[in-house]
Amino acid sequence: RIGELKAQIHSSAKGSGSPASPIDDYVSVLIVEEDGWLSQSLSPLVSSSFSLTTVVSGGEALDRSSERPFDLALIKETLPDLPSRTVVRSLQAQSPETLVMMYFPPSRGKPGRIDRLEGSRVTTLVSAFTSAKQLAERLVELQQAQAARRRERRYLAEFRSENYELLKRIAELRKRYREVDSSLGRSK
């Protein structure tokens, strides 16, 4: 909370009403699909604050994500080279901050769906997925969530750097307390 208030004061002094920096609003999206259906449909629907990177295979996705982290990853449920679940697990291991989603495109008149995968937990984001517009609407929500997570991490890092000595002293006191507590427990 202190970091947020400092950011508001700093931005007020500069004449800007928003504590968010432009980097907070920027979202890099990795789309993994061999046919380009989603990326071609999604590209004109999202704002310039989204950077879409499309790759055609799971192997290429893993290569790209090892070069730089992505905020969001959209993986088609079938890929030409690797099982999608393997790609999902690998992306999550490489970059735990990446929100990984698997999409099942509409097929033969039946709607698809988009699931968010977090460890072994699956949350359906769009249950009747029929067009990229549905995803574009949800991406704005995910963008806001990512911006909030970035601000929180930045504020926490600032707090830690400003209060390093205090945090170090607290850790030392906890250690001493545990030592005294354990020695008292043995003497009983």
C-alpha atoms as a PDB file:
ATOM      1  CA  ARG A   1       0.000   0.000   0.000  1.00  0.00           C
ATOM      2  CA  ILE A   2       2.877   2.346   0.805  1.00  0.00           C
ATOM      3  CA  GLY A   3       4.381   1.769  -2.631  1.00  0.00           C
ATOM      4  CA  GLU A   4       1.058   2.559  -4.271  1.00  0.00           C
ATOM      5  CA  LEU A   5       0.743   5.818  -2.315  1.00  0.00           C
ATOM      6  CA  LYS A   6       4.320   6.781  -3.209  1.00  0.00           C
ATOM      7  CA  ALA A   7       3.570   6.109  -6.879  1.00  0.00           C
ATOM      8  CA  GLN A   8       0.442   8.283  -6.670  1.00  0.00           C
ATOM      9  CA  ILE A   9       2.383  11.125  -5.042  1.00  0.00           C
ATOM     10  CA  HIS A  10       5.161  10.797  -7.631  1.00  0.00           C
ATOM     11  CA  SER A  11       2.692  10.789 -10.527  1.00  0.00           C
ATOM     12  CA  SER A  12       0.767  13.735  -9.050  1.00  0.00           C
ATOM     13  CA  ALA A  13       3.983  15.720  -8.869  1.00  0.00           C
ATOM     14  CA  LYS A  14       4.543  14.993 -12.564  1.00  0.00           C
ATOM     15  CA  GLY A  15       0.971  15.934 -13.421  1.00  0.00           C
ATOM     16  CA  SER A  16      -0.203  12.432 -14.302  1.00  0.00           C
ATOM     17  CA  GLY A  17      -3.200  11.011 -12.484  1.00  0.00           C
ATOM     18  CA  SER A  18      -2.301   7.351 -12.875  1.00  0.00           C
ATOM     19  CA  PRO A  19       0.220   5.470 -10.735  1.00  0.00           C
ATOM     20  CA  ALA A  20       0.742   2.835 -13.440  1.00  0.00           C
ATOM     21  CA  SER A  21       3.722   3.042 -15.692  1.00  0.00           C
ATOM     22  CA  PRO A  22       3.392   2.274 -19.405  1.00  0.00           C
ATOM     23  CA  ILE A  23       5.302  -0.960 -18.877  1.00  0.00           C
ATOM     24  CA  ASP A  24       2.582  -2.082 -16.438  1.00  0.00           C
ATOM     25  CA  ASP A  25      -0.011  -1.963 -19.197  1.00  0.00           C
ATOM     26  CA  TYR A  26       2.089  -3.691 -21.854  1.00  0.00           C
ATOM     27  CA  VAL A  27       1.272  -7.401 -22.340  1.00  0.00           C
ATOM     28  CA  SER A  28       3.300  -9.878 -24.372  1.00  0.00           C
ATOM     29  CA  VAL A  29       1.259 -12.804 -25.682  1.00  0.00           C
ATOM     30  CA  LEU A  30       2.606 -16.044 -27.105  1.00  0.00           C
ATOM     31  CA  ILE A  31       0.180 -17.877 -29.399  1.00  0.00           C
ATOM     32  CA  VAL A  32       1.030 -21.466 -30.288  1.00  0.00           C
ATOM     33  CA  GLU A  33      -0.911 -22.804 -33.272  1.00  0.00           C
ATOM     34  CA  GLU A  34      -0.020 -24.260 -36.636  1.00  0.00           C
ATOM     35  CA  ASP A  35      -2.870 -22.785 -38.684  1.00  0.00           C
ATOM     36  CA  GLY A  36      -2.877 -19.099 -37.632  1.00  0.00           C
ATOM     37  CA  TRP A  37      -6.656 -19.070 -37.090  1.00  0.00           C
ATOM     38  CA  LEU A  38      -6.575 -17.381 -33.691  1.00  0.00           C
ATOM     39  CA  SER A  39      -3.640 -15.026 -34.214  1.00  0.00           C
ATOM     40  CA  GLN A  40      -4.987 -13.681 -37.516  1.00  0.00           C
ATOM     41  CA  SER A  41      -8.430 -13.118 -36.014  1.00  0.00           C
ATOM     42  CA  LEU A  42      -7.145 -11.675 -32.728  1.00  0.00           C
ATOM     43  CA  SER A  43      -4.546  -9.245 -34.066  1.00  0.00           C
ATOM     44  CA  PRO A  44      -6.974  -6.556 -35.336  1.00  0.00           C
ATOM     45  CA  LEU A  45      -9.090  -6.815 -32.166  1.00  0.00           C
ATOM     46  CA  VAL A  46      -6.463  -5.958 -29.558  1.00  0.00           C
ATOM     47  CA  SER A  47      -4.876  -2.613 -28.744  1.00  0.00           C
ATOM     48  CA  SER A  48      -1.258  -1.672 -29.355  1.00  0.00           C
ATOM     49  CA  SER A  49      -0.468  -2.487 -25.721  1.00  0.00           C
ATOM     50  CA  PHE A  50      -0.574  -6.162 -26.713  1.00  0.00           C
ATOM     51  CA  SER A  51       2.424  -7.696 -28.446  1.00  0.00           C
ATOM     52  CA  LEU A  52       1.391 -10.918 -30.178  1.00  0.00           C
ATOM     53  CA  THR A  53       4.049 -13.492 -31.058  1.00  0.00           C
ATOM     54  CA  THR A  54       2.834 -16.500 -33.024  1.00  0.00           C
ATOM     55  CA  VAL A  55       4.709 -19.772 -33.366  1.00  0.00           C
ATOM     56  CA  VAL A  56       3.640 -22.919 -35.194  1.00  0.00           C
ATOM     57  CA  SER A  57       4.926 -25.675 -32.911  1.00  0.00           C
ATOM     58  CA  GLY A  58       5.454 -26.576 -29.286  1.00  0.00           C
ATOM     59  CA  GLY A  59       9.216 -26.778 -29.760  1.00  0.00           C
ATOM     60  CA  GLU A  60       9.332 -23.275 -31.185  1.00  0.00           C
ATOM     61  CA  ALA A  61       7.179 -22.040 -28.288  1.00  0.00           C
ATOM     62  CA  LEU A  62       9.632 -23.469 -25.767  1.00  0.00           C
ATOM     63  CA  ASP A  63      12.554 -21.906 -27.635  1.00  0.00           C
ATOM     64  CA  ARG A  64      10.907 -18.458 -27.711  1.00  0.00           C
ATOM     65  CA  SER A  65       9.873 -18.577 -24.070  1.00  0.00           C
ATOM     66  CA  SER A  66      13.423 -19.474 -23.034  1.00  0.00           C
ATOM     67  CA  GLU A  67      14.656 -16.334 -24.850  1.00  0.00           C
ATOM     68  CA  ARG A  68      12.251 -14.019 -23.017  1.00  0.00           C
ATOM     69  CA  PRO A  69       9.255 -14.383 -20.698  1.00  0.00           C
ATOM     70  CA  PHE A  70       5.710 -13.809 -21.910  1.00  0.00           C
ATOM     71  CA  ASP A  71       2.814 -12.504 -19.842  1.00  0.00           C
ATOM     72  CA  LEU A  72       0.262 -14.779 -21.483  1.00  0.00           C
ATOM     73  CA  ALA A  73       0.546 -17.974 -23.500  1.00  0.00           C
ATOM     74  CA  LEU A  74      -2.303 -19.367 -25.616  1.00  0.00           C
ATOM     75  CA  ILE A  75      -1.699 -22.936 -26.723  1.00  0.00           C
ATOM     76  CA  LYS A  76      -3.885 -24.805 -29.171  1.00  0.00           C
ATOM     77  CA  GLU A  77      -5.011 -28.165 -27.809  1.00  0.00           C
ATOM     78  CA  THR A  78      -3.377 -30.073 -30.679  1.00  0.00           C
ATOM     79  CA  LEU A  79       0.098 -29.270 -31.947  1.00  0.00           C
ATOM     80  CA  PRO A  80       2.039 -30.894 -34.778  1.00  0.00           C
ATOM     81  CA  ASP A  81       5.126 -31.867 -32.766  1.00  0.00           C
ATOM     82  CA  LEU A  82       4.508 -32.127 -29.018  1.00  0.00           C
ATOM     83  CA  PRO A  83       1.554 -32.854 -26.751  1.00  0.00           C
ATOM     84  CA  SER A  84      -0.023 -29.563 -25.668  1.00  0.00           C
ATOM     85  CA  ARG A  85       0.048 -30.566 -22.002  1.00  0.00           C
ATOM     86  CA  THR A  86       3.812 -31.058 -22.227  1.00  0.00           C
ATOM     87  CA  VAL A  87       4.214 -27.577 -23.686  1.00  0.00           C
ATOM     88  CA  VAL A  88       1.971 -26.157 -20.940  1.00  0.00           C
ATOM     89  CA  ARG A  89       3.970 -27.810 -18.135  1.00  0.00           C
ATOM     90  CA  SER A  90       7.278 -26.721 -19.675  1.00  0.00           C
ATOM     91  CA  LEU A  91       6.136 -23.111 -20.084  1.00  0.00           C
ATOM     92  CA  GLN A  92       4.902 -23.041 -16.502  1.00  0.00           C
ATOM     93  CA  ALA A  93       8.228 -24.427 -15.263  1.00  0.00           C
ATOM     94  CA  GLN A  94      10.273 -21.950 -17.348  1.00  0.00           C
ATOM     95  CA  SER A  95       8.224 -18.927 -16.364  1.00  0.00           C
ATOM     96  CA  PRO A  96       5.856 -19.299 -13.380  1.00  0.00           C
ATOM     97  CA  GLU A  97       4.595 -15.716 -13.872  1.00  0.00           C
ATOM     98  CA  THR A  98       3.177 -16.532 -17.324  1.00  0.00           C
ATOM     99  CA  LEU A  99      -0.582 -17.085 -17.426  1.00  0.00           C
ATOM    100  CA  VAL A 100      -0.937 -20.206 -19.549  1.00  0.00           C
ATOM    101  CA  MET A 101      -4.156 -20.977 -21.401  1.00  0.00           C
ATOM    102  CA  MET A 102      -5.124 -23.813 -23.690  1.00  0.00           C
ATOM    103  CA  TYR A 103      -7.718 -23.226 -26.345  1.00  0.00           C
ATOM    104  CA  PHE A 104      -9.925 -25.671 -28.138  1.00  0.00           C
ATOM    105  CA  PRO A 105     -11.068 -24.034 -31.396  1.00  0.00           C
ATOM    106  CA  PRO A 106     -14.643 -24.369 -32.629  1.00  0.00           C
ATOM    107  CA  SER A 107     -15.059 -27.421 -34.834  1.00  0.00           C
ATOM    108  CA  ARG A 108     -17.862 -28.790 -37.020  1.00  0.00           C
ATOM    109  CA  GLY A 109     -20.368 -26.254 -35.748  1.00  0.00           C
ATOM    110  CA  LYS A 110     -19.586 -26.950 -32.083  1.00  0.00           C
ATOM    111  CA  PRO A 111     -18.094 -24.194 -29.938  1.00  0.00           C
ATOM    112  CA  GLY A 112     -14.645 -24.610 -28.472  1.00  0.00           C
ATOM    113  CA  ARG A 113     -13.424 -23.373 -25.101  1.00  0.00           C
ATOM    114  CA  ILE A 114     -10.512 -21.622 -23.441  1.00  0.00           C
ATOM    115  CA  ASP A 115      -9.090 -22.961 -20.198  1.00  0.00           C
ATOM    116  CA  ARG A 116      -6.591 -21.323 -17.890  1.00  0.00           C
ATOM    117  CA  LEU A 117      -4.102 -23.859 -16.597  1.00  0.00           C
ATOM    118  CA  GLU A 118      -2.373 -23.276 -13.296  1.00  0.00           C
ATOM    119  CA  GLY A 119      -0.439 -26.302 -12.112  1.00  0.00           C
ATOM    120  CA  SER A 120      -2.945 -29.129 -12.127  1.00  0.00           C
ATOM    121  CA  ARG A 121      -5.909 -26.755 -11.736  1.00  0.00           C
ATOM    122  CA  VAL A 122      -8.033 -25.969 -14.809  1.00  0.00           C
ATOM    123  CA  THR A 123     -10.360 -22.958 -14.909  1.00  0.00           C
ATOM    124  CA  THR A 124     -12.594 -22.428 -17.928  1.00  0.00           C
ATOM    125  CA  LEU A 125     -12.375 -18.800 -19.082  1.00  0.00           C
ATOM    126  CA  VAL A 126     -14.644 -19.056 -22.142  1.00  0.00           C
ATOM    127  CA  SER A 127     -16.971 -22.046 -22.156  1.00  0.00           C
ATOM    128  CA  ALA A 128     -18.534 -21.521 -25.590  1.00  0.00           C
ATOM    129  CA  PHE A 129     -15.613 -20.197 -27.636  1.00  0.00           C
ATOM    130  CA  THR A 130     -16.740 -19.315 -31.157  1.00  0.00           C
ATOM    131  CA  SER A 131     -14.737 -16.221 -32.128  1.00  0.00           C
ATOM    132  CA  ALA A 132     -11.553 -14.334 -31.303  1.00  0.00           C
ATOM    133  CA  LYS A 133     -13.670 -11.402 -30.122  1.00  0.00           C
ATOM    134  CA  GLN A 134     -14.610 -13.369 -27.009  1.00  0.00           C
ATOM    135  CA  LEU A 135     -10.951 -13.830 -26.180  1.00  0.00           C
ATOM    136  CA  ALA A 136     -10.104 -10.192 -26.936  1.00  0.00           C
ATOM    137  CA  GLU A 137     -12.665  -9.117 -24.325  1.00  0.00           C
ATOM    138  CA  ARG A 138     -11.103 -11.403 -21.705  1.00  0.00           C
ATOM    139  CA  LEU A 139      -7.578 -10.270 -22.594  1.00  0.00           C
ATOM    140  CA  VAL A 140      -8.381  -6.772 -21.327  1.00  0.00           C
ATOM    141  CA  GLU A 141      -9.266  -8.271 -17.926  1.00  0.00           C
ATOM    142  CA  LEU A 142      -6.095 -10.347 -17.945  1.00  0.00           C
ATOM    143  CA  GLN A 143      -4.090  -7.251 -18.922  1.00  0.00           C
ATOM    144  CA  GLN A 144      -5.429  -5.420 -15.879  1.00  0.00           C
ATOM    145  CA  ALA A 145      -4.602  -8.375 -13.635  1.00  0.00           C
ATOM    146  CA  GLN A 146      -1.052  -8.544 -15.018  1.00  0.00           C
ATOM    147  CA  ALA A 147      -0.598  -4.790 -14.488  1.00  0.00           C
ATOM    148  CA  ALA A 148      -1.712  -5.171 -10.871  1.00  0.00           C
ATOM    149  CA  ARG A 149       0.706  -8.083 -10.356  1.00  0.00           C
ATOM    150  CA  ARG A 150       3.597  -6.051 -11.830  1.00  0.00           C
ATOM    151  CA  ARG A 151       2.846  -3.068  -9.595  1.00  0.00           C
ATOM    152  CA  GLU A 152       2.633  -5.331  -6.566  1.00  0.00           C
ATOM    153  CA  ARG A 153       5.990  -6.970  -7.371  1.00  0.00           C
ATOM    154  CA  ARG A 154       7.579  -3.552  -7.975  1.00  0.00           C
ATOM    155  CA  TYR A 155       6.229  -2.159  -4.692  1.00  0.00           C
ATOM    156  CA  LEU A 156       7.421  -5.235  -2.818  1.00  0.00           C
ATOM    157  CA  ALA A 157      10.896  -4.934  -4.324  1.00  0.00           C
ATOM    158  CA  GLU A 158      11.005  -1.236  -3.381  1.00  0.00           C
ATOM    159  CA  PHE A 159       9.887  -2.025   0.167  1.00  0.00           C
ATOM    160  CA  ARG A 160      12.532  -4.723   0.516  1.00  0.00           C
ATOM    161  CA  SER A 161      15.313  -2.488  -0.768  1.00  0.00           C
ATOM    162  CA  GLU A 162      14.253   0.437   1.440  1.00  0.00           C
ATOM    163  CA  ASN A 163      13.820  -1.730   4.535  1.00  0.00           C
ATOM    164  CA  TYR A 164      16.602  -4.267   4.068  1.00  0.00           C
ATOM    165  CA  GLU A 165      18.212  -3.603   7.453  1.00  0.00           C
ATOM    166  CA  LEU A 166      14.882  -3.868   9.275  1.00  0.00           C
ATOM    167  CA  LEU A 167      14.017  -7.141   7.528  1.00  0.00           C
ATOM    168  CA  LYS A 168      17.497  -8.491   8.276  1.00  0.00           C
ATOM    169  CA  ARG A 169      17.108  -7.582  11.963  1.00  0.00           C
ATOM    170  CA  ILE A 170      13.684  -9.261  12.130  1.00  0.00           C
ATOM    171  CA  ALA A 171      15.134 -12.440  10.601  1.00  0.00           C
ATOM    172  CA  GLU A 172      17.953 -12.425  13.185  1.00  0.00           C
ATOM    173  CA  LEU A 173      15.477 -11.973  16.042  1.00  0.00           C
ATOM    174  CA  ARG A 174      13.321 -14.838  14.754  1.00  0.00           C
ATOM    175  CA  LYS A 175      16.369 -17.084  14.550  1.00  0.00           C
ATOM    176  CA  ARG A 176      17.399 -16.236  18.111  1.00  0.00           C
ATOM    177  CA  TYR A 177      13.836 -16.758  19.344  1.00  0.00           C
ATOM    178  CA  ARG A 178      13.732 -20.244  17.757  1.00  0.00           C
ATOM    179  CA  GLU A 179      17.092 -21.104  19.317  1.00  0.00           C
ATOM    180  CA  VAL A 180      15.986 -19.956  22.783  1.00  0.00           C
ATOM    181  CA  ASP A 181      12.601 -21.644  22.403  1.00  0.00           C
ATOM    182  CA  SER A 182      14.177 -24.947  21.363  1.00  0.00           C
ATOM    183  CA  SER A 183      16.735 -24.829  24.225  1.00  0.00           C
ATOM    184  CA  LEU A 184      13.931 -24.181  26.737  1.00  0.00           C
ATOM    185  CA  GLY A 185      12.009 -27.104  25.277  1.00  0.00           C
ATOM    186  CA  ARG A 186      15.008 -29.435  25.780  1.00  0.00           C
ATOM    187  CA  SER A 187      15.582 -28.360  29.397  1.00  0.00           C
ATOM    188  CA  LYS A 188      12.073 -29.368  30.505  1.00  0.00           C
END
